[in-house]
Amino acid sequence: MAMKTIMLVCSAGMSTSLLVSKMQKAAAAQNLEADIFAVSASEVDDILGKKNIDVLLLGPQVRYMKAQFEKKLQGKNIPVDSINMQYYGLMNGEKVLEEALKLMDNK
């Protein structure tokens, strides 16, 4: 299975870093090769210019930007969704990873 690249976007990149480490642990437990990282909303364009990603997940603070990101990624076949509030609140890396993988399977 190819490496999965999952980008999480939040307002500053801080709160989401804990979720990233929990998602990385969950991926490791499933023997899944994944590059999971968080960036602030202002860094997205820069990262997209340098890196191919498989899915973009929005933290609750920036979920209002979903349409903007969908427009940006149009034609690139990269699913965009906001992270489930409950999973985010509980920092449930396993569930968020599951959501990301489902999005990739459905694209």
C-alpha atoms as a PDB file:
ATOM      1  CA  MET A   1       0.000   0.000   0.000  1.00  0.00           C
ATOM      2  CA  ALA A   2       1.331   3.411  -0.937  1.00  0.00           C
ATOM      3  CA  MET A   3       2.195   6.039   1.633  1.00  0.00           C
ATOM      4  CA  LYS A   4      -0.805   8.188   2.590  1.00  0.00           C
ATOM      5  CA  THR A   5      -0.287  11.908   3.039  1.00  0.00           C
ATOM      6  CA  ILE A   6      -2.803  13.559   5.334  1.00  0.00           C
ATOM      7  CA  MET A   7      -2.759  17.306   5.905  1.00  0.00           C
ATOM      8  CA  LEU A   8      -4.640  18.811   8.834  1.00  0.00           C
ATOM      9  CA  VAL A   9      -5.356  22.516   8.731  1.00  0.00           C
ATOM     10  CA  CYS A  10      -6.092  24.634  11.764  1.00  0.00           C
ATOM     11  CA  SER A  11      -5.885  28.278  12.684  1.00  0.00           C
ATOM     12  CA  ALA A  12      -2.419  28.225  14.242  1.00  0.00           C
ATOM     13  CA  GLY A  13      -1.186  24.643  14.035  1.00  0.00           C
ATOM     14  CA  MET A  14      -0.871  24.182  17.808  1.00  0.00           C
ATOM     15  CA  SER A  15      -3.944  22.324  19.027  1.00  0.00           C
ATOM     16  CA  THR A  16      -3.862  20.049  16.032  1.00  0.00           C
ATOM     17  CA  SER A  17      -0.310  18.854  16.670  1.00  0.00           C
ATOM     18  CA  LEU A  18      -1.524  16.648  19.530  1.00  0.00           C
ATOM     19  CA  LEU A  19      -4.117  15.122  17.214  1.00  0.00           C
ATOM     20  CA  VAL A  20      -1.405  14.529  14.602  1.00  0.00           C
ATOM     21  CA  SER A  21       0.711  12.531  17.048  1.00  0.00           C
ATOM     22  CA  LYS A  22      -2.322  10.466  18.064  1.00  0.00           C
ATOM     23  CA  MET A  23      -3.135   9.816  14.392  1.00  0.00           C
ATOM     24  CA  GLN A  24       0.492   8.786  13.767  1.00  0.00           C
ATOM     25  CA  LYS A  25       0.273   6.301  16.658  1.00  0.00           C
ATOM     26  CA  ALA A  26      -2.984   4.909  15.260  1.00  0.00           C
ATOM     27  CA  ALA A  27      -1.426   4.576  11.791  1.00  0.00           C
ATOM     28  CA  ALA A  28       1.616   2.795  13.231  1.00  0.00           C
ATOM     29  CA  ALA A  29      -0.661   0.406  15.135  1.00  0.00           C
ATOM     30  CA  GLN A  30      -2.312  -0.469  11.802  1.00  0.00           C
ATOM     31  CA  ASN A  31       1.059  -0.796  10.029  1.00  0.00           C
ATOM     32  CA  LEU A  32      -0.041   2.025   7.779  1.00  0.00           C
ATOM     33  CA  GLU A  33       2.594   4.182   6.146  1.00  0.00           C
ATOM     34  CA  ALA A  34       1.365   7.708   6.598  1.00  0.00           C
ATOM     35  CA  ASP A  35       2.757  11.200   6.496  1.00  0.00           C
ATOM     36  CA  ILE A  36       0.425  13.116   8.800  1.00  0.00           C
ATOM     37  CA  PHE A  37       1.090  16.766   9.564  1.00  0.00           C
ATOM     38  CA  ALA A  38      -0.661  19.963  10.592  1.00  0.00           C
ATOM     39  CA  VAL A  39      -0.298  23.412   9.102  1.00  0.00           C
ATOM     40  CA  SER A  40      -1.941  26.752   9.718  1.00  0.00           C
ATOM     41  CA  ALA A  41      -4.496  27.940   7.163  1.00  0.00           C
ATOM     42  CA  SER A  42      -2.051  30.575   5.894  1.00  0.00           C
ATOM     43  CA  GLU A  43       0.556  27.905   5.021  1.00  0.00           C
ATOM     44  CA  VAL A  44      -1.704  25.707   2.896  1.00  0.00           C
ATOM     45  CA  ASP A  45      -0.893  27.237  -0.503  1.00  0.00           C
ATOM     46  CA  ASP A  46       2.812  27.004   0.157  1.00  0.00           C
ATOM     47  CA  ILE A  47       2.610  23.336   1.201  1.00  0.00           C
ATOM     48  CA  LEU A  48       0.355  22.396  -1.728  1.00  0.00           C
ATOM     49  CA  GLY A  49       2.985  23.851  -4.016  1.00  0.00           C
ATOM     50  CA  LYS A  50       5.667  21.557  -2.568  1.00  0.00           C
ATOM     51  CA  LYS A  51       3.874  18.399  -1.605  1.00  0.00           C
ATOM     52  CA  ASN A  52       1.323  15.957  -2.970  1.00  0.00           C
ATOM     53  CA  ILE A  53      -1.348  15.232  -0.403  1.00  0.00           C
ATOM     54  CA  ASP A  54      -4.073  12.585  -0.411  1.00  0.00           C
ATOM     55  CA  VAL A  55      -6.572  14.289   1.863  1.00  0.00           C
ATOM     56  CA  LEU A  56      -7.056  17.646   3.582  1.00  0.00           C
ATOM     57  CA  LEU A  57      -8.828  17.754   6.940  1.00  0.00           C
ATOM     58  CA  LEU A  58      -9.962  20.993   8.543  1.00  0.00           C
ATOM     59  CA  GLY A  59      -9.892  21.595  12.276  1.00  0.00           C
ATOM     60  CA  PRO A  60     -13.086  22.985  13.821  1.00  0.00           C
ATOM     61  CA  GLN A  61     -11.598  26.510  13.975  1.00  0.00           C
ATOM     62  CA  VAL A  62     -11.261  26.700  10.183  1.00  0.00           C
ATOM     63  CA  ARG A  63     -14.109  24.510   8.962  1.00  0.00           C
ATOM     64  CA  TYR A  64     -15.823  27.641   7.599  1.00  0.00           C
ATOM     65  CA  MET A  65     -13.050  27.664   4.959  1.00  0.00           C
ATOM     66  CA  LYS A  66     -14.096  24.310   3.486  1.00  0.00           C
ATOM     67  CA  ALA A  67     -15.644  25.751   0.291  1.00  0.00           C
ATOM     68  CA  GLN A  68     -12.555  27.898  -0.249  1.00  0.00           C
ATOM     69  CA  PHE A  69     -10.258  24.848  -0.036  1.00  0.00           C
ATOM     70  CA  GLU A  70     -12.545  22.721  -2.228  1.00  0.00           C
ATOM     71  CA  LYS A  71     -12.330  25.428  -4.877  1.00  0.00           C
ATOM     72  CA  LYS A  72      -8.550  25.574  -4.532  1.00  0.00           C
ATOM     73  CA  LEU A  73      -8.231  21.798  -4.933  1.00  0.00           C
ATOM     74  CA  GLN A  74     -10.762  21.466  -7.738  1.00  0.00           C
ATOM     75  CA  GLY A  75      -9.620  18.993 -10.356  1.00  0.00           C
ATOM     76  CA  LYS A  76      -6.824  17.672  -8.118  1.00  0.00           C
ATOM     77  CA  ASN A  77      -8.866  14.764  -6.762  1.00  0.00           C
ATOM     78  CA  ILE A  78      -8.010  15.634  -3.158  1.00  0.00           C
ATOM     79  CA  PRO A  79     -10.940  15.222  -0.755  1.00  0.00           C
ATOM     80  CA  VAL A  80     -11.540  18.008   1.766  1.00  0.00           C
ATOM     81  CA  ASP A  81     -13.588  17.631   4.917  1.00  0.00           C
ATOM     82  CA  SER A  82     -13.816  19.035   8.393  1.00  0.00           C
ATOM     83  CA  ILE A  83     -12.821  16.900  11.352  1.00  0.00           C
ATOM     84  CA  ASN A  84     -15.716  15.599  13.416  1.00  0.00           C
ATOM     85  CA  MET A  85     -16.051  17.975  16.404  1.00  0.00           C
ATOM     86  CA  GLN A  86     -16.443  15.143  18.891  1.00  0.00           C
ATOM     87  CA  TYR A  87     -13.359  13.281  17.634  1.00  0.00           C
ATOM     88  CA  TYR A  88     -11.415  16.525  17.676  1.00  0.00           C
ATOM     89  CA  GLY A  89     -12.567  17.400  21.188  1.00  0.00           C
ATOM     90  CA  LEU A  90     -11.572  13.942  22.435  1.00  0.00           C
ATOM     91  CA  MET A  91      -8.352  14.034  20.373  1.00  0.00           C
ATOM     92  CA  ASN A  92      -9.380  10.647  18.956  1.00  0.00           C
ATOM     93  CA  GLY A  93      -6.586  10.052  16.442  1.00  0.00           C
ATOM     94  CA  GLU A  94      -7.886   6.616  15.523  1.00  0.00           C
ATOM     95  CA  LYS A  95     -11.328   7.900  14.472  1.00  0.00           C
ATOM     96  CA  VAL A  96      -9.929  10.904  12.595  1.00  0.00           C
ATOM     97  CA  LEU A  97      -7.512   8.609  10.750  1.00  0.00           C
ATOM     98  CA  GLU A  98     -10.453   6.332   9.909  1.00  0.00           C
ATOM     99  CA  GLU A  99     -12.354   9.344   8.499  1.00  0.00           C
ATOM    100  CA  ALA A 100      -9.338  10.351   6.409  1.00  0.00           C
ATOM    101  CA  LEU A 101      -8.921   6.843   4.971  1.00  0.00           C
ATOM    102  CA  LYS A 102     -12.638   6.653   4.113  1.00  0.00           C
ATOM    103  CA  LEU A 103     -12.390   9.956   2.248  1.00  0.00           C
ATOM    104  CA  MET A 104      -9.420   8.648   0.272  1.00  0.00           C
ATOM    105  CA  ASP A 105     -11.236   5.432  -0.609  1.00  0.00           C
ATOM    106  CA  ASN A 106     -14.263   7.364  -1.873  1.00  0.00           C
ATOM    107  CA  LYS A 107     -12.444   9.836  -4.091  1.00  0.00           C
END
